[in-house]
Amino acid sequence: MPDKDASPERLQALREENRNLRFLRFLVDLALMEIRAGSFTLEEAEKVVENVRSQALQLFPGKETAFEWIYRPRFRRAIAETFNIIWHPARN
């Protein structure tokens, strides 16, 4: 819930951040759905992940670590399940 005493600029920034977050969630969900549906080859799926990462960093500059911790594991699981790959964490 926004602070009633927040400045209009702060409220606008919060709205923009929320909009960006909703858009990123949409992109991630759509990419995961398409990967799981078998719409891509393994190489294409990996490119999709990198494209989503690029979009995420445009929306949230400097948040590379957040993408790697939050979204990368979800994409790895989807790709591993879709392409029947056994992923070994030590090898990335």
PDB file of N, CA and C in Angstrom:
ATOM      1  N   MET A   1       0.841  -1.177   0.000  1.00  0.00           N
ATOM      2  CA  MET A   1       0.000   0.000   0.000  1.00  0.00           C
ATOM      3  C   MET A   1       0.886   1.239   0.000  1.00  0.00           C
ATOM      4  N   PRO A   2       0.693   2.140  -0.960  1.00  0.00           N
ATOM      5  CA  PRO A   2       1.536   3.323  -1.050  1.00  0.00           C
ATOM      6  C   PRO A   2       1.365   4.227   0.172  1.00  0.00           C
ATOM      7  N   ASP A   3       2.445   4.890   0.509  1.00  0.00           N
ATOM      8  CA  ASP A   3       2.440   5.848   1.608  1.00  0.00           C
ATOM      9  C   ASP A   3       1.644   7.077   1.181  1.00  0.00           C
ATOM     10  N   LYS A   4       0.672   7.485   2.009  1.00  0.00           N
ATOM     11  CA  LYS A   4      -0.168   8.647   1.685  1.00  0.00           C
ATOM     12  C   LYS A   4       0.648   9.919   1.572  1.00  0.00           C
ATOM     13  N   ASP A   5       1.768   9.968   2.265  1.00  0.00           N
ATOM     14  CA  ASP A   5       2.593  11.170   2.285  1.00  0.00           C
ATOM     15  C   ASP A   5       3.682  11.159   1.212  1.00  0.00           C
ATOM     16  N   ALA A   6       3.719  10.135   0.377  1.00  0.00           N
ATOM     17  CA  ALA A   6       4.752  10.049  -0.653  1.00  0.00           C
ATOM     18  C   ALA A   6       4.528  11.139  -1.703  1.00  0.00           C
ATOM     19  N   SER A   7       5.618  11.613  -2.249  1.00  0.00           N
ATOM     20  CA  SER A   7       5.530  12.655  -3.273  1.00  0.00           C
ATOM     21  C   SER A   7       4.942  12.077  -4.559  1.00  0.00           C
ATOM     22  N   PRO A   8       4.379  12.936  -5.402  1.00  0.00           N
ATOM     23  CA  PRO A   8       3.851  12.446  -6.688  1.00  0.00           C
ATOM     24  C   PRO A   8       4.922  11.760  -7.533  1.00  0.00           C
ATOM     25  N   GLU A   9       6.148  12.250  -7.445  1.00  0.00           N
ATOM     26  CA  GLU A   9       7.235  11.630  -8.214  1.00  0.00           C
ATOM     27  C   GLU A   9       7.515  10.218  -7.709  1.00  0.00           C
ATOM     28  N   ARG A  10       7.487  10.058  -6.399  1.00  0.00           N
ATOM     29  CA  ARG A  10       7.718   8.732  -5.798  1.00  0.00           C
ATOM     30  C   ARG A  10       6.602   7.770  -6.174  1.00  0.00           C
ATOM     31  N   LEU A  11       5.371   8.248  -6.127  1.00  0.00           N
ATOM     32  CA  LEU A  11       4.235   7.405  -6.506  1.00  0.00           C
ATOM     33  C   LEU A  11       4.324   6.996  -7.973  1.00  0.00           C
ATOM     34  N   GLN A  12       4.721   7.928  -8.823  1.00  0.00           N
ATOM     35  CA  GLN A  12       4.879   7.618 -10.245  1.00  0.00           C
ATOM     36  C   GLN A  12       5.981   6.579 -10.448  1.00  0.00           C
ATOM     37  N   ALA A  13       7.082   6.725  -9.727  1.00  0.00           N
ATOM     38  CA  ALA A  13       8.185   5.763  -9.832  1.00  0.00           C
ATOM     39  C   ALA A  13       7.736   4.369  -9.387  1.00  0.00           C
ATOM     40  N   LEU A  14       6.944   4.312  -8.324  1.00  0.00           N
ATOM     41  CA  LEU A  14       6.429   3.022  -7.855  1.00  0.00           C
ATOM     42  C   LEU A  14       5.494   2.395  -8.880  1.00  0.00           C
ATOM     43  N   ARG A  15       4.642   3.210  -9.482  1.00  0.00           N
ATOM     44  CA  ARG A  15       3.743   2.693 -10.528  1.00  0.00           C
ATOM     45  C   ARG A  15       4.533   2.156 -11.717  1.00  0.00           C
ATOM     46  N   GLU A  16       5.570   2.878 -12.103  1.00  0.00           N
ATOM     47  CA  GLU A  16       6.413   2.444 -13.225  1.00  0.00           C
ATOM     48  C   GLU A  16       7.136   1.136 -12.894  1.00  0.00           C
ATOM     49  N   GLU A  17       7.663   1.042 -11.685  1.00  0.00           N
ATOM     50  CA  GLU A  17       8.342  -0.189 -11.272  1.00  0.00           C
ATOM     51  C   GLU A  17       7.367  -1.373 -11.261  1.00  0.00           C
ATOM     52  N   ASN A  18       6.172  -1.157 -10.759  1.00  0.00           N
ATOM     53  CA  ASN A  18       5.158  -2.219 -10.752  1.00  0.00           C
ATOM     54  C   ASN A  18       4.769  -2.626 -12.167  1.00  0.00           C
ATOM     55  N   ARG A  19       4.641  -1.652 -13.053  1.00  0.00           N
ATOM     56  CA  ARG A  19       4.321  -1.952 -14.454  1.00  0.00           C
ATOM     57  C   ARG A  19       5.438  -2.775 -15.086  1.00  0.00           C
ATOM     58  N   ASN A  20       6.679  -2.377 -14.846  1.00  0.00           N
ATOM     59  CA  ASN A  20       7.823  -3.115 -15.384  1.00  0.00           C
ATOM     60  C   ASN A  20       7.868  -4.538 -14.839  1.00  0.00           C
ATOM     61  N   LEU A  21       7.577  -4.692 -13.559  1.00  0.00           N
ATOM     62  CA  LEU A  21       7.585  -6.016 -12.953  1.00  0.00           C
ATOM     63  C   LEU A  21       6.491  -6.905 -13.548  1.00  0.00           C
ATOM     64  N   ARG A  22       5.297  -6.344 -13.739  1.00  0.00           N
ATOM     65  CA  ARG A  22       4.220  -7.129 -14.366  1.00  0.00           C
ATOM     66  C   ARG A  22       4.599  -7.541 -15.786  1.00  0.00           C
ATOM     67  N   PHE A  23       5.223  -6.630 -16.534  1.00  0.00           N
ATOM     68  CA  PHE A  23       5.642  -6.943 -17.895  1.00  0.00           C
ATOM     69  C   PHE A  23       6.707  -8.040 -17.890  1.00  0.00           C
ATOM     70  N   LEU A  24       7.672  -7.955 -16.980  1.00  0.00           N
ATOM     71  CA  LEU A  24       8.708  -8.981 -16.891  1.00  0.00           C
ATOM     72  C   LEU A  24       8.094 -10.335 -16.545  1.00  0.00           C
ATOM     73  N   ARG A  25       7.178 -10.357 -15.593  1.00  0.00           N
ATOM     74  CA  ARG A  25       6.509 -11.615 -15.248  1.00  0.00           C
ATOM     75  C   ARG A  25       5.785 -12.194 -16.454  1.00  0.00           C
ATOM     76  N   PHE A  26       5.121 -11.329 -17.227  1.00  0.00           N
ATOM     77  CA  PHE A  26       4.444 -11.774 -18.446  1.00  0.00           C
ATOM     78  C   PHE A  26       5.450 -12.397 -19.411  1.00  0.00           C
ATOM     79  N   LEU A  27       6.570 -11.723 -19.654  1.00  0.00           N
ATOM     80  CA  LEU A  27       7.591 -12.254 -20.563  1.00  0.00           C
ATOM     81  C   LEU A  27       8.116 -13.604 -20.096  1.00  0.00           C
ATOM     82  N   VAL A  28       8.413 -13.700 -18.805  1.00  0.00           N
ATOM     83  CA  VAL A  28       8.941 -14.953 -18.252  1.00  0.00           C
ATOM     84  C   VAL A  28       7.909 -16.065 -18.394  1.00  0.00           C
ATOM     85  N   ASP A  29       6.669 -15.789 -18.001  1.00  0.00           N
ATOM     86  CA  ASP A  29       5.619 -16.809 -18.081  1.00  0.00           C
ATOM     87  C   ASP A  29       5.384 -17.261 -19.518  1.00  0.00           C
ATOM     88  N   LEU A  30       5.367 -16.306 -20.451  1.00  0.00           N
ATOM     89  CA  LEU A  30       5.172 -16.641 -21.854  1.00  0.00           C
ATOM     90  C   LEU A  30       6.328 -17.491 -22.380  1.00  0.00           C
ATOM     91  N   ALA A  31       7.556 -17.097 -22.058  1.00  0.00           N
ATOM     92  CA  ALA A  31       8.728 -17.854 -22.508  1.00  0.00           C
ATOM     93  C   ALA A  31       8.719 -19.264 -21.931  1.00  0.00           C
ATOM     94  N   LEU A  32       8.398 -19.387 -20.650  1.00  0.00           N
ATOM     95  CA  LEU A  32       8.343 -20.716 -20.027  1.00  0.00           C
ATOM     96  C   LEU A  32       7.262 -21.580 -20.671  1.00  0.00           C
ATOM     97  N   MET A  33       6.122 -20.991 -20.956  1.00  0.00           N
ATOM     98  CA  MET A  33       5.035 -21.729 -21.585  1.00  0.00           C
ATOM     99  C   MET A  33       5.455 -22.234 -22.972  1.00  0.00           C
ATOM    100  N   GLU A  34       6.088 -21.373 -23.743  1.00  0.00           N
ATOM    101  CA  GLU A  34       6.519 -21.758 -25.089  1.00  0.00           C
ATOM    102  C   GLU A  34       7.631 -22.812 -25.047  1.00  0.00           C
ATOM    103  N   ILE A  35       8.542 -22.685 -24.107  1.00  0.00           N
ATOM    104  CA  ILE A  35       9.601 -23.690 -23.966  1.00  0.00           C
ATOM    105  C   ILE A  35       8.988 -25.039 -23.623  1.00  0.00           C
ATOM    106  N   ARG A  36       8.100 -25.048 -22.635  1.00  0.00           N
ATOM    107  CA  ARG A  36       7.471 -26.307 -22.209  1.00  0.00           C
ATOM    108  C   ARG A  36       6.571 -26.903 -23.286  1.00  0.00           C
ATOM    109  N   ALA A  37       6.030 -26.071 -24.150  1.00  0.00           N
ATOM    110  CA  ALA A  37       5.162 -26.556 -25.223  1.00  0.00           C
ATOM    111  C   ALA A  37       5.965 -27.203 -26.352  1.00  0.00           C
ATOM    112  N   GLY A  38       7.283 -27.074 -26.295  1.00  0.00           N
ATOM    113  CA  GLY A  38       8.112 -27.662 -27.337  1.00  0.00           C
ATOM    114  C   GLY A  38       8.153 -26.814 -28.593  1.00  0.00           C
ATOM    115  N   SER A  39       7.902 -25.525 -28.443  1.00  0.00           N
ATOM    116  CA  SER A  39       7.877 -24.617 -29.591  1.00  0.00           C
ATOM    117  C   SER A  39       9.263 -24.308 -30.144  1.00  0.00           C
ATOM    118  N   PHE A  40      10.302 -24.613 -29.379  1.00  0.00           N
ATOM    119  CA  PHE A  40      11.659 -24.254 -29.763  1.00  0.00           C
ATOM    120  C   PHE A  40      12.585 -25.458 -29.748  1.00  0.00           C
ATOM    121  N   THR A  41      13.669 -25.340 -30.498  1.00  0.00           N
ATOM    122  CA  THR A  41      14.771 -26.276 -30.353  1.00  0.00           C
ATOM    123  C   THR A  41      15.517 -25.878 -29.079  1.00  0.00           C
ATOM    124  N   LEU A  42      16.436 -26.715 -28.631  1.00  0.00           N
ATOM    125  CA  LEU A  42      17.221 -26.394 -27.441  1.00  0.00           C
ATOM    126  C   LEU A  42      17.981 -25.081 -27.645  1.00  0.00           C
ATOM    127  N   GLU A  43      18.596 -24.921 -28.787  1.00  0.00           N
ATOM    128  CA  GLU A  43      19.348 -23.694 -29.067  1.00  0.00           C
ATOM    129  C   GLU A  43      18.430 -22.473 -29.061  1.00  0.00           C
ATOM    130  N   GLU A  44      17.259 -22.602 -29.661  1.00  0.00           N
ATOM    131  CA  GLU A  44      16.303 -21.493 -29.666  1.00  0.00           C
ATOM    132  C   GLU A  44      15.816 -21.171 -28.256  1.00  0.00           C
ATOM    133  N   ALA A  45      15.565 -22.196 -27.458  1.00  0.00           N
ATOM    134  CA  ALA A  45      15.113 -21.989 -26.082  1.00  0.00           C
ATOM    135  C   ALA A  45      16.167 -21.224 -25.284  1.00  0.00           C
ATOM    136  N   GLU A  46      17.427 -21.577 -25.473  1.00  0.00           N
ATOM    137  CA  GLU A  46      18.500 -20.871 -24.774  1.00  0.00           C
ATOM    138  C   GLU A  46      18.589 -19.417 -25.217  1.00  0.00           C
ATOM    139  N   LYS A  47      18.347 -19.164 -26.503  1.00  0.00           N
ATOM    140  CA  LYS A  47      18.335 -17.783 -26.998  1.00  0.00           C
ATOM    141  C   LYS A  47      17.160 -17.004 -26.414  1.00  0.00           C
ATOM    142  N   VAL A  48      16.026 -17.654 -26.271  1.00  0.00           N
ATOM    143  CA  VAL A  48      14.857 -17.007 -25.668  1.00  0.00           C
ATOM    144  C   VAL A  48      15.183 -16.577 -24.241  1.00  0.00           C
ATOM    145  N   VAL A  49      15.835 -17.453 -23.498  1.00  0.00           N
ATOM    146  CA  VAL A  49      16.208 -17.121 -22.119  1.00  0.00           C
ATOM    147  C   VAL A  49      17.116 -15.894 -22.110  1.00  0.00           C
ATOM    148  N   GLU A  50      18.089 -15.859 -22.989  1.00  0.00           N
ATOM    149  CA  GLU A  50      19.001 -14.712 -23.034  1.00  0.00           C
ATOM    150  C   GLU A  50      18.269 -13.444 -23.466  1.00  0.00           C
ATOM    151  N   ASN A  51      17.298 -13.571 -24.357  1.00  0.00           N
ATOM    152  CA  ASN A  51      16.509 -12.400 -24.760  1.00  0.00           C
ATOM    153  C   ASN A  51      15.664 -11.881 -23.599  1.00  0.00           C
ATOM    154  N   VAL A  52      15.080 -12.788 -22.833  1.00  0.00           N
ATOM    155  CA  VAL A  52      14.299 -12.369 -21.663  1.00  0.00           C
ATOM    156  C   VAL A  52      15.224 -11.715 -20.642  1.00  0.00           C
ATOM    157  N   ARG A  53      16.401 -12.284 -20.454  1.00  0.00           N
ATOM    158  CA  ARG A  53      17.373 -11.684 -19.522  1.00  0.00           C
ATOM    159  C   ARG A  53      17.733 -10.275 -19.969  1.00  0.00           C
ATOM    160  N   SER A  54      17.963 -10.093 -21.254  1.00  0.00           N
ATOM    161  CA  SER A  54      18.290  -8.778 -21.790  1.00  0.00           C
ATOM    162  C   SER A  54      17.155  -7.781 -21.527  1.00  0.00           C
ATOM    163  N   GLN A  55      15.923  -8.224 -21.755  1.00  0.00           N
ATOM    164  CA  GLN A  55      14.768  -7.367 -21.483  1.00  0.00           C
ATOM    165  C   GLN A  55      14.680  -7.033 -19.996  1.00  0.00           C
ATOM    166  N   ALA A  56      14.925  -8.023 -19.150  1.00  0.00           N
ATOM    167  CA  ALA A  56      14.867  -7.807 -17.705  1.00  0.00           C
ATOM    168  C   ALA A  56      15.884  -6.751 -17.279  1.00  0.00           C
ATOM    169  N   LEU A  57      17.078  -6.796 -17.865  1.00  0.00           N
ATOM    170  CA  LEU A  57      18.111  -5.841 -17.488  1.00  0.00           C
ATOM    171  C   LEU A  57      17.839  -4.458 -18.052  1.00  0.00           C
ATOM    172  N   GLN A  58      17.085  -4.380 -19.140  1.00  0.00           N
ATOM    173  CA  GLN A  58      16.658  -3.063 -19.630  1.00  0.00           C
ATOM    174  C   GLN A  58      15.614  -2.467 -18.690  1.00  0.00           C
ATOM    175  N   LEU A  59      14.728  -3.324 -18.193  1.00  0.00           N
ATOM    176  CA  LEU A  59      13.686  -2.851 -17.273  1.00  0.00           C
ATOM    177  C   LEU A  59      14.247  -2.543 -15.889  1.00  0.00           C
ATOM    178  N   PHE A  60      15.227  -3.352 -15.466  1.00  0.00           N
ATOM    179  CA  PHE A  60      15.812  -3.231 -14.123  1.00  0.00           C
ATOM    180  C   PHE A  60      17.337  -3.268 -14.227  1.00  0.00           C
ATOM    181  N   PRO A  61      17.947  -2.169 -14.662  1.00  0.00           N
ATOM    182  CA  PRO A  61      19.412  -2.142 -14.820  1.00  0.00           C
ATOM    183  C   PRO A  61      20.129  -2.485 -13.518  1.00  0.00           C
ATOM    184  N   GLY A  62      21.207  -3.242 -13.660  1.00  0.00           N
ATOM    185  CA  GLY A  62      22.026  -3.587 -12.505  1.00  0.00           C
ATOM    186  C   GLY A  62      21.496  -4.735 -11.668  1.00  0.00           C
ATOM    187  N   LYS A  63      20.450  -5.400 -12.125  1.00  0.00           N
ATOM    188  CA  LYS A  63      19.839  -6.478 -11.348  1.00  0.00           C
ATOM    189  C   LYS A  63      20.161  -7.857 -11.925  1.00  0.00           C
ATOM    190  N   GLU A  64      21.378  -8.017 -12.441  1.00  0.00           N
ATOM    191  CA  GLU A  64      21.787  -9.292 -13.016  1.00  0.00           C
ATOM    192  C   GLU A  64      21.672 -10.435 -12.018  1.00  0.00           C
ATOM    193  N   THR A  65      22.111 -10.183 -10.799  1.00  0.00           N
ATOM    194  CA  THR A  65      22.085 -11.223  -9.773  1.00  0.00           C
ATOM    195  C   THR A  65      20.657 -11.659  -9.477  1.00  0.00           C
ATOM    196  N   ALA A  66      19.746 -10.715  -9.427  1.00  0.00           N
ATOM    197  CA  ALA A  66      18.338 -11.054  -9.163  1.00  0.00           C
ATOM    198  C   ALA A  66      17.807 -11.967 -10.262  1.00  0.00           C
ATOM    199  N   PHE A  67      18.125 -11.683 -11.522  1.00  0.00           N
ATOM    200  CA  PHE A  67      17.674 -12.548 -12.608  1.00  0.00           C
ATOM    201  C   PHE A  67      18.251 -13.942 -12.443  1.00  0.00           C
ATOM    202  N   GLU A  68      19.531 -14.014 -12.145  1.00  0.00           N
ATOM    203  CA  GLU A  68      20.195 -15.315 -12.021  1.00  0.00           C
ATOM    204  C   GLU A  68      19.624 -16.143 -10.874  1.00  0.00           C
ATOM    205  N   TRP A  69      19.237 -15.511  -9.797  1.00  0.00           N
ATOM    206  CA  TRP A  69      18.713 -16.240  -8.641  1.00  0.00           C
ATOM    207  C   TRP A  69      17.230 -16.553  -8.753  1.00  0.00           C
ATOM    208  N   ILE A  70      16.479 -15.663  -9.365  1.00  0.00           N
ATOM    209  CA  ILE A  70      15.023 -15.828  -9.408  1.00  0.00           C
ATOM    210  C   ILE A  70      14.557 -16.567 -10.661  1.00  0.00           C
ATOM    211  N   TYR A  71      15.012 -16.104 -11.816  1.00  0.00           N
ATOM    212  CA  TYR A  71      14.461 -16.632 -13.067  1.00  0.00           C
ATOM    213  C   TYR A  71      15.296 -17.734 -13.728  1.00  0.00           C
ATOM    214  N   ARG A  72      16.615 -17.631 -13.655  1.00  0.00           N
ATOM    215  CA  ARG A  72      17.468 -18.630 -14.323  1.00  0.00           C
ATOM    216  C   ARG A  72      17.135 -20.063 -13.892  1.00  0.00           C
ATOM    217  N   PRO A  73      16.949 -20.340 -12.598  1.00  0.00           N
ATOM    218  CA  PRO A  73      16.609 -21.719 -12.200  1.00  0.00           C
ATOM    219  C   PRO A  73      15.285 -22.201 -12.804  1.00  0.00           C
ATOM    220  N   ARG A  74      14.317 -21.313 -12.921  1.00  0.00           N
ATOM    221  CA  ARG A  74      13.034 -21.697 -13.531  1.00  0.00           C
ATOM    222  C   ARG A  74      13.230 -22.066 -14.995  1.00  0.00           C
ATOM    223  N   PHE A  75      14.029 -21.278 -15.705  1.00  0.00           N
ATOM    224  CA  PHE A  75      14.298 -21.591 -17.110  1.00  0.00           C
ATOM    225  C   PHE A  75      15.098 -22.886 -17.236  1.00  0.00           C
ATOM    226  N   ARG A  76      16.081 -23.084 -16.366  1.00  0.00           N
ATOM    227  CA  ARG A  76      16.863 -24.329 -16.415  1.00  0.00           C
ATOM    228  C   ARG A  76      15.976 -25.545 -16.224  1.00  0.00           C
ATOM    229  N   ARG A  77      15.067 -25.463 -15.236  1.00  0.00           N
ATOM    230  CA  ARG A  77      14.153 -26.587 -15.001  1.00  0.00           C
ATOM    231  C   ARG A  77      13.268 -26.847 -16.209  1.00  0.00           C
ATOM    232  N   ALA A  78      12.710 -25.795 -16.784  1.00  0.00           N
ATOM    233  CA  ALA A  78      11.824 -25.958 -17.939  1.00  0.00           C
ATOM    234  C   ALA A  78      12.580 -26.573 -19.116  1.00  0.00           C
ATOM    235  N   ILE A  79      13.794 -26.106 -19.357  1.00  0.00           N
ATOM    236  CA  ILE A  79      14.585 -26.648 -20.466  1.00  0.00           C
ATOM    237  C   ILE A  79      14.977 -28.093 -20.172  1.00  0.00           C
ATOM    238  N   ALA A  80      15.405 -28.361 -18.953  1.00  0.00           N
ATOM    239  CA  ALA A  80      15.793 -29.727 -18.590  1.00  0.00           C
ATOM    240  C   ALA A  80      14.622 -30.686 -18.741  1.00  0.00           C
ATOM    241  N   GLU A  81      13.449 -30.291 -18.283  1.00  0.00           N
ATOM    242  CA  GLU A  81      12.264 -31.154 -18.386  1.00  0.00           C
ATOM    243  C   GLU A  81      11.829 -31.336 -19.839  1.00  0.00           C
ATOM    244  N   THR A  82      11.862 -30.260 -20.603  1.00  0.00           N
ATOM    245  CA  THR A  82      11.397 -30.312 -21.989  1.00  0.00           C
ATOM    246  C   THR A  82      12.327 -31.134 -22.868  1.00  0.00           C
ATOM    247  N   PHE A  83      13.623 -30.987 -22.667  1.00  0.00           N
ATOM    248  CA  PHE A  83      14.600 -31.655 -23.526  1.00  0.00           C
ATOM    249  C   PHE A  83      15.230 -32.872 -22.858  1.00  0.00           C
ATOM    250  N   ASN A  84      14.689 -33.258 -21.709  1.00  0.00           N
ATOM    251  CA  ASN A  84      15.162 -34.440 -20.992  1.00  0.00           C
ATOM    252  C   ASN A  84      16.672 -34.378 -20.761  1.00  0.00           C
ATOM    253  N   ILE A  85      17.085 -33.273 -20.174  1.00  0.00           N
ATOM    254  CA  ILE A  85      18.501 -33.027 -19.899  1.00  0.00           C
ATOM    255  C   ILE A  85      18.725 -33.149 -18.400  1.00  0.00           C
ATOM    256  N   ILE A  86      19.802 -33.798 -18.033  1.00  0.00           N
ATOM    257  CA  ILE A  86      20.197 -33.845 -16.623  1.00  0.00           C
ATOM    258  C   ILE A  86      21.210 -32.730 -16.432  1.00  0.00           C
ATOM    259  N   TRP A  87      20.847 -31.804 -15.586  1.00  0.00           N
ATOM    260  CA  TRP A  87      21.683 -30.638 -15.337  1.00  0.00           C
ATOM    261  C   TRP A  87      22.516 -30.854 -14.090  1.00  0.00           C
ATOM    262  N   HIS A  88      23.801 -30.577 -14.188  1.00  0.00           N
ATOM    263  CA  HIS A  88      24.707 -30.712 -13.053  1.00  0.00           C
ATOM    264  C   HIS A  88      25.101 -29.311 -12.591  1.00  0.00           C
ATOM    265  N   PRO A  89      24.677 -28.900 -11.398  1.00  0.00           N
ATOM    266  CA  PRO A  89      24.935 -27.537 -10.931  1.00  0.00           C
ATOM    267  C   PRO A  89      26.402 -27.120 -10.977  1.00  0.00           C
ATOM    268  N   ALA A  90      27.307 -28.043 -10.725  1.00  0.00           N
ATOM    269  CA  ALA A  90      28.740 -27.688 -10.703  1.00  0.00           C
ATOM    270  C   ALA A  90      29.231 -27.251 -12.078  1.00  0.00           C
ATOM    271  N   ARG A  91      28.552 -27.692 -13.142  1.00  0.00           N
ATOM    272  CA  ARG A  91      28.992 -27.342 -14.497  1.00  0.00           C
ATOM    273  C   ARG A  91      28.269 -26.138 -15.061  1.00  0.00           C
ATOM    274  N   ASN A  92      27.265 -25.620 -14.359  1.00  0.00           N
ATOM    275  CA  ASN A  92      26.438 -24.525 -14.849  1.00  0.00           C
ATOM    276  C   ASN A  92      25.709 -24.984 -16.056  1.00  0.00           C
TER     277      ASN A  92
END
